[in-house]
């Protein structure tokens, strides 16, 4: 019983538990919004590279 109480009072044990719980929450958020984020990131990437390609084409035609 004393060992359990010392573990619960030890801040290092609590800190690692908090990190594990925080990591679990972040993982759940990532899995929940993965499709939306991928769709938006794809649109953003296509827009940036599309604009860059148009600029290069305009410069090469001059």
PDB file of N, CA and C in Angstrom:
ATOM      1  N   UNK A   1       0.836  -1.192   0.000  1.00  0.00           N
ATOM      2  CA  UNK A   1       0.000   0.000   0.000  1.00  0.00           C
ATOM      3  C   UNK A   1       0.882   1.258   0.000  1.00  0.00           C
ATOM      4  N   UNK A   2       1.979   1.198   0.768  1.00  0.00           N
ATOM      5  CA  UNK A   2       2.886   2.339   0.815  1.00  0.00           C
ATOM      6  C   UNK A   2       3.511   2.626  -0.533  1.00  0.00           C
ATOM      7  N   UNK A   3       3.823   1.579  -1.280  1.00  0.00           N
ATOM      8  CA  UNK A   3       4.409   1.748  -2.611  1.00  0.00           C
ATOM      9  C   UNK A   3       3.425   2.454  -3.545  1.00  0.00           C
ATOM     10  N   UNK A   4       2.162   2.079  -3.470  1.00  0.00           N
ATOM     11  CA  UNK A   4       1.129   2.706  -4.300  1.00  0.00           C
ATOM     12  C   UNK A   4       0.979   4.179  -3.941  1.00  0.00           C
ATOM     13  N   UNK A   5       0.979   4.499  -2.664  1.00  0.00           N
ATOM     14  CA  UNK A   5       0.845   5.890  -2.236  1.00  0.00           C
ATOM     15  C   UNK A   5       2.045   6.721  -2.684  1.00  0.00           C
ATOM     16  N   UNK A   6       3.242   6.156  -2.582  1.00  0.00           N
ATOM     17  CA  UNK A   6       4.432   6.875  -3.041  1.00  0.00           C
ATOM     18  C   UNK A   6       4.376   7.120  -4.545  1.00  0.00           C
ATOM     19  N   UNK A   7       3.890   6.139  -5.307  1.00  0.00           N
ATOM     20  CA  UNK A   7       3.780   6.303  -6.760  1.00  0.00           C
ATOM     21  C   UNK A   7       2.788   7.416  -7.097  1.00  0.00           C
ATOM     22  N   UNK A   8       1.665   7.454  -6.385  1.00  0.00           N
ATOM     23  CA  UNK A   8       0.657   8.474  -6.661  1.00  0.00           C
ATOM     24  C   UNK A   8       1.135   9.867  -6.257  1.00  0.00           C
ATOM     25  N   UNK A   9       1.969   9.958  -5.254  1.00  0.00           N
ATOM     26  CA  UNK A   9       2.474  11.247  -4.793  1.00  0.00           C
ATOM     27  C   UNK A   9       3.678  11.715  -5.609  1.00  0.00           C
ATOM     28  N   UNK A  10       4.319  10.820  -6.290  1.00  0.00           N
ATOM     29  CA  UNK A  10       5.498  11.162  -7.080  1.00  0.00           C
ATOM     30  C   UNK A  10       5.072  11.957  -8.308  1.00  0.00           C
ATOM     31  N   UNK A  11       5.659  13.122  -8.488  1.00  0.00           N
ATOM     32  CA  UNK A  11       5.275  13.984  -9.606  1.00  0.00           C
ATOM     33  C   UNK A  11       5.738  13.438 -10.941  1.00  0.00           C
ATOM     34  N   UNK A  12       6.844  12.710 -10.991  1.00  0.00           N
ATOM     35  CA  UNK A  12       7.316  12.146 -12.251  1.00  0.00           C
ATOM     36  C   UNK A  12       6.309  11.163 -12.819  1.00  0.00           C
ATOM     37  N   UNK A  13       5.719  10.351 -11.968  1.00  0.00           N
ATOM     38  CA  UNK A  13       4.704   9.402 -12.416  1.00  0.00           C
ATOM     39  C   UNK A  13       3.481  10.098 -12.957  1.00  0.00           C
ATOM     40  N   UNK A  14       3.088  11.174 -12.301  1.00  0.00           N
ATOM     41  CA  UNK A  14       1.932  11.932 -12.768  1.00  0.00           C
ATOM     42  C   UNK A  14       2.237  12.620 -14.088  1.00  0.00           C
ATOM     43  N   UNK A  15       3.440  13.117 -14.231  1.00  0.00           N
ATOM     44  CA  UNK A  15       3.807  13.807 -15.459  1.00  0.00           C
ATOM     45  C   UNK A  15       3.782  12.851 -16.646  1.00  0.00           C
ATOM     46  N   UNK A  16       4.313  11.676 -16.494  1.00  0.00           N
ATOM     47  CA  UNK A  16       4.298  10.727 -17.610  1.00  0.00           C
ATOM     48  C   UNK A  16       2.875  10.304 -17.926  1.00  0.00           C
ATOM     49  N   UNK A  17       2.045  10.144 -16.913  1.00  0.00           N
ATOM     50  CA  UNK A  17       0.635   9.801 -17.150  1.00  0.00           C
ATOM     51  C   UNK A  17      -0.067  10.920 -17.896  1.00  0.00           C
ATOM     52  N   UNK A  18       0.219  12.143 -17.521  1.00  0.00           N
ATOM     53  CA  UNK A  18      -0.399  13.282 -18.208  1.00  0.00           C
ATOM     54  C   UNK A  18       0.038  13.331 -19.668  1.00  0.00           C
ATOM     55  N   UNK A  19       1.311  13.073 -19.932  1.00  0.00           N
ATOM     56  CA  UNK A  19       1.783  13.061 -21.315  1.00  0.00           C
ATOM     57  C   UNK A  19       1.095  11.966 -22.122  1.00  0.00           C
ATOM     58  N   UNK A  20       0.915  10.816 -21.538  1.00  0.00           N
ATOM     59  CA  UNK A  20       0.249   9.710 -22.236  1.00  0.00           C
ATOM     60  C   UNK A  20      -1.194  10.069 -22.547  1.00  0.00           C
ATOM     61  N   UNK A  21      -1.893  10.661 -21.573  1.00  0.00           N
ATOM     62  CA  UNK A  21      -3.288  11.067 -21.800  1.00  0.00           C
ATOM     63  C   UNK A  21      -3.371  12.164 -22.858  1.00  0.00           C
ATOM     64  N   UNK A  22      -2.453  13.113 -22.810  1.00  0.00           N
ATOM     65  CA  UNK A  22      -2.432  14.179 -23.808  1.00  0.00           C
ATOM     66  C   UNK A  22      -2.172  13.623 -25.202  1.00  0.00           C
ATOM     67  N   UNK A  23      -1.259  12.689 -25.305  1.00  0.00           N
ATOM     68  CA  UNK A  23      -0.970  12.043 -26.582  1.00  0.00           C
ATOM     69  C   UNK A  23      -2.189  11.290 -27.107  1.00  0.00           C
ATOM     70  N   UNK A  24      -2.910  10.633 -26.221  1.00  0.00           N
ATOM     71  CA  UNK A  24      -4.123   9.908 -26.631  1.00  0.00           C
ATOM     72  C   UNK A  24      -5.180  10.869 -27.162  1.00  0.00           C
ATOM     73  N   UNK A  25      -5.341  12.016 -26.513  1.00  0.00           N
ATOM     74  CA  UNK A  25      -6.322  13.004 -26.974  1.00  0.00           C
ATOM     75  C   UNK A  25      -5.924  13.558 -28.340  1.00  0.00           C
ATOM     76  N   UNK A  26      -4.657  13.857 -28.518  1.00  0.00           N
ATOM     77  CA  UNK A  26      -4.183  14.366 -29.809  1.00  0.00           C
ATOM     78  C   UNK A  26      -4.393  13.321 -30.905  1.00  0.00           C
ATOM     79  N   UNK A  27      -4.112  12.068 -30.598  1.00  0.00           N
ATOM     80  CA  UNK A  27      -4.312  10.999 -31.584  1.00  0.00           C
ATOM     81  C   UNK A  27      -5.779  10.883 -31.970  1.00  0.00           C
ATOM     82  N   UNK A  28      -6.677  10.984 -31.003  1.00  0.00           N
ATOM     83  CA  UNK A  28      -8.105  10.918 -31.313  1.00  0.00           C
ATOM     84  C   UNK A  28      -8.535  12.074 -32.200  1.00  0.00           C
ATOM     85  N   UNK A  29      -8.020  13.258 -31.928  1.00  0.00           N
ATOM     86  CA  UNK A  29      -8.364  14.423 -32.748  1.00  0.00           C
ATOM     87  C   UNK A  29      -7.849  14.242 -34.170  1.00  0.00           C
ATOM     88  N   UNK A  30      -6.628  13.750 -34.304  1.00  0.00           N
ATOM     89  CA  UNK A  30      -6.056  13.535 -35.633  1.00  0.00           C
ATOM     90  C   UNK A  30      -6.882  12.524 -36.422  1.00  0.00           C
ATOM     91  N   UNK A  31      -7.243  11.417 -35.787  1.00  0.00           N
ATOM     92  CA  UNK A  31      -8.030  10.406 -36.488  1.00  0.00           C
ATOM     93  C   UNK A  31      -9.421  10.926 -36.846  1.00  0.00           C
ATOM     94  N   UNK A  32     -10.008  11.752 -35.990  1.00  0.00           N
ATOM     95  CA  UNK A  32     -11.356  12.255 -36.241  1.00  0.00           C
ATOM     96  C   UNK A  32     -11.377  13.217 -37.430  1.00  0.00           C
ATOM     97  N   UNK A  33     -10.370  14.089 -37.522  1.00  0.00           N
ATOM     98  CA  UNK A  33     -10.384  15.121 -38.547  1.00  0.00           C
ATOM     99  C   UNK A  33      -9.391  14.865 -39.673  1.00  0.00           C
ATOM    100  N   UNK A  34      -8.926  13.637 -39.801  1.00  0.00           N
ATOM    101  CA  UNK A  34      -7.914  13.299 -40.800  1.00  0.00           C
ATOM    102  C   UNK A  34      -8.396  13.589 -42.217  1.00  0.00           C
ATOM    103  N   UNK A  35      -9.594  13.167 -42.554  1.00  0.00           N
ATOM    104  CA  UNK A  35     -10.107  13.344 -43.918  1.00  0.00           C
ATOM    105  C   UNK A  35     -10.270  14.818 -44.266  1.00  0.00           C
ATOM    106  N   UNK A  36     -10.822  15.600 -43.343  1.00  0.00           N
ATOM    107  CA  UNK A  36     -11.026  17.029 -43.587  1.00  0.00           C
ATOM    108  C   UNK A  36      -9.685  17.723 -43.766  1.00  0.00           C
ATOM    109  N   UNK A  37      -8.735  17.404 -42.902  1.00  0.00           N
ATOM    110  CA  UNK A  37      -7.417  18.031 -42.987  1.00  0.00           C
ATOM    111  C   UNK A  37      -6.718  17.654 -44.282  1.00  0.00           C
ATOM    112  N   UNK A  38      -6.807  16.402 -44.690  1.00  0.00           N
ATOM    113  CA  UNK A  38      -6.163  15.976 -45.940  1.00  0.00           C
ATOM    114  C   UNK A  38      -6.776  16.697 -47.139  1.00  0.00           C
ATOM    115  N   UNK A  39      -8.095  16.848 -47.126  1.00  0.00           N
ATOM    116  CA  UNK A  39      -8.775  17.525 -48.233  1.00  0.00           C
ATOM    117  C   UNK A  39      -8.333  18.990 -48.319  1.00  0.00           C
ATOM    118  N   UNK A  40      -8.305  19.666 -47.196  1.00  0.00           N
ATOM    119  CA  UNK A  40      -7.907  21.076 -47.186  1.00  0.00           C
ATOM    120  C   UNK A  40      -6.430  21.240 -47.536  1.00  0.00           C
ATOM    121  N   UNK A  41      -5.596  20.352 -47.035  1.00  0.00           N
ATOM    122  CA  UNK A  41      -4.173  20.423 -47.340  1.00  0.00           C
ATOM    123  C   UNK A  41      -3.919  20.170 -48.821  1.00  0.00           C
ATOM    124  N   UNK A  42      -4.666  19.252 -49.412  1.00  0.00           N
ATOM    125  CA  UNK A  42      -4.537  18.973 -50.842  1.00  0.00           C
ATOM    126  C   UNK A  42      -4.939  20.190 -51.664  1.00  0.00           C
ATOM    127  N   UNK A  43      -6.053  20.826 -51.312  1.00  0.00           N
ATOM    128  CA  UNK A  43      -6.494  22.023 -52.030  1.00  0.00           C
ATOM    129  C   UNK A  43      -5.472  23.136 -51.908  1.00  0.00           C
ATOM    130  N   UNK A  44      -4.933  23.312 -50.720  1.00  0.00           N
ATOM    131  CA  UNK A  44      -3.940  24.357 -50.500  1.00  0.00           C
ATOM    132  C   UNK A  44      -2.679  24.098 -51.315  1.00  0.00           C
ATOM    133  N   UNK A  45      -2.208  22.871 -51.305  1.00  0.00           N
ATOM    134  CA  UNK A  45      -0.998  22.513 -52.045  1.00  0.00           C
ATOM    135  C   UNK A  45      -1.203  22.683 -53.546  1.00  0.00           C
ATOM    136  N   UNK A  46      -2.338  22.225 -54.038  1.00  0.00           N
ATOM    137  CA  UNK A  46      -2.624  22.367 -55.465  1.00  0.00           C
ATOM    138  C   UNK A  46      -2.711  23.838 -55.853  1.00  0.00           C
ATOM    139  N   UNK A  47      -3.294  24.655 -54.990  1.00  0.00           N
ATOM    140  CA  UNK A  47      -3.390  26.086 -55.271  1.00  0.00           C
ATOM    141  C   UNK A  47      -2.028  26.750 -55.331  1.00  0.00           C
ATOM    142  N   UNK A  48      -1.178  26.435 -54.385  1.00  0.00           N
ATOM    143  CA  UNK A  48       0.160  27.045 -54.336  1.00  0.00           C
ATOM    144  C   UNK A  48       0.969  26.637 -55.561  1.00  0.00           C
ATOM    145  N   UNK A  49       1.011  25.341 -55.846  1.00  0.00           N
ATOM    146  CA  UNK A  49       1.814  24.887 -56.980  1.00  0.00           C
ATOM    147  C   UNK A  49       1.185  25.277 -58.308  1.00  0.00           C
ATOM    148  N   UNK A  50      -0.143  25.373 -58.352  1.00  0.00           N
ATOM    149  CA  UNK A  50      -0.814  25.838 -59.569  1.00  0.00           C
ATOM    150  C   UNK A  50      -0.464  27.286 -59.859  1.00  0.00           C
ATOM    151  N   UNK A  51      -0.477  28.118 -58.824  1.00  0.00           N
ATOM    152  CA  UNK A  51      -0.107  29.527 -59.000  1.00  0.00           C
ATOM    153  C   UNK A  51       1.358  29.659 -59.402  1.00  0.00           C
ATOM    154  N   UNK A  52       2.216  28.873 -58.794  1.00  0.00           N
ATOM    155  CA  UNK A  52       3.643  28.922 -59.135  1.00  0.00           C
ATOM    156  C   UNK A  52       3.860  28.502 -60.586  1.00  0.00           C
ATOM    157  N   UNK A  53       3.153  27.487 -61.030  1.00  0.00           N
ATOM    158  CA  UNK A  53       3.287  27.032 -62.415  1.00  0.00           C
ATOM    159  C   UNK A  53       2.802  28.109 -63.385  1.00  0.00           C
ATOM    160  N   UNK A  54       1.687  28.763 -63.055  1.00  0.00           N
ATOM    161  CA  UNK A  54       1.188  29.841 -63.912  1.00  0.00           C
ATOM    162  C   UNK A  54       2.181  30.994 -63.993  1.00  0.00           C
ATOM    163  N   UNK A  55       2.806  31.332 -62.884  1.00  0.00           N
ATOM    164  CA  UNK A  55       3.804  32.399 -62.887  1.00  0.00           C
ATOM    165  C   UNK A  55       5.003  32.042 -63.749  1.00  0.00           C
ATOM    166  N   UNK A  56       5.449  30.801 -63.632  1.00  0.00           N
ATOM    167  CA  UNK A  56       6.591  30.350 -64.440  1.00  0.00           C
ATOM    168  C   UNK A  56       6.232  30.383 -65.921  1.00  0.00           C
ATOM    169  N   UNK A  57       5.028  29.937 -66.270  1.00  0.00           N
ATOM    170  CA  UNK A  57       4.585  29.947 -67.666  1.00  0.00           C
ATOM    171  C   UNK A  57       4.517  31.370 -68.209  1.00  0.00           C
ATOM    172  N   UNK A  58       4.009  32.296 -67.401  1.00  0.00           N
ATOM    173  CA  UNK A  58       3.917  33.700 -67.834  1.00  0.00           C
ATOM    174  C   UNK A  58       5.316  34.290 -68.061  1.00  0.00           C
ATOM    175  N   UNK A  59       6.239  33.975 -67.151  1.00  0.00           N
ATOM    176  CA  UNK A  59       7.605  34.493 -67.294  1.00  0.00           C
ATOM    177  C   UNK A  59       8.312  33.898 -68.490  1.00  0.00           C
ATOM    178  N   UNK A  60       8.066  32.647 -68.785  1.00  0.00           N
ATOM    179  CA  UNK A  60       8.738  32.004 -69.919  1.00  0.00           C
ATOM    180  C   UNK A  60       8.172  32.484 -71.253  1.00  0.00           C
ATOM    181  N   UNK A  61       6.946  33.009 -71.260  1.00  0.00           N
ATOM    182  CA  UNK A  61       6.347  33.507 -72.511  1.00  0.00           C
ATOM    183  C   UNK A  61       6.807  34.921 -72.810  1.00  0.00           C
ATOM    184  N   UNK A  62       7.378  35.613 -71.865  1.00  0.00           N
ATOM    185  CA  UNK A  62       7.806  37.009 -72.100  1.00  0.00           C
ATOM    186  C   UNK A  62       9.114  37.087 -72.788  1.00  0.00           C
TER     187      UNK A  62
END
